């Protein structure tokens, strides 16, 4: 019985990593659709999002069942409690990737991102994807040394968001269309929130490993509206 219980806990971690891989695929596809104007790819990302939602529900059900059936303590209890929050962060990251794809779809046949910002948006996506993949490794290996890398990537994402926002606000009226201003403002927020959720993930792992209360309630990291 104990061996089966430990196997269930390992599967919980595997499911979190699988969810992170699904989110990574969605984010990569959404950015490609955005920057290259690939409507079919944008549609695939949007269509795939409900599957990620379903994975979250399945994972949460497993965690709740283990909580009720096994009455875990110490590290096992922290794992299951943290799982319920991490699965939510991953689901939100998937939603954000789908939002990026929706911007790409709405702008088609035009490309939503003006030429002068495409390199910046590509960099934001790269940072978000790297942060996500690093967070998945932290979840799998409980390697807290990697967590600092996620924090640094998030800091760069924040700076890029502010840079683009300043460039928009200081531009001449004829530099952008109204639609471009709206789309860019949404996009930089979506990518920035992906980085924040990656930070939230690694901080949850920190709580899991150390048992210490972590600052996951700061406005910049662990809010649920995005």
Foldseek 3Di string as FASTA:
>chain_A
DVVVLVVLLLVLLVLLLVLLVLLLVLLVLLLCCQLVVDLVSLVVLLVCLVVLVVSLVVSLVSLVVCCVPVVDDALSVLSSVLSNVLSLLSSVSSVLSNVSSVLSNVQPPDRLADPVCSVLLVLLSVLLSVLSNLLSVCSNVVPLVSLVVLVVSLVVLVVSLVVVVVCVVPDDPPPDDPSSVVSSNSSSVSSSLSSLSSNLSSVSSVCSVPVDDDPCPDPSHNDNPD
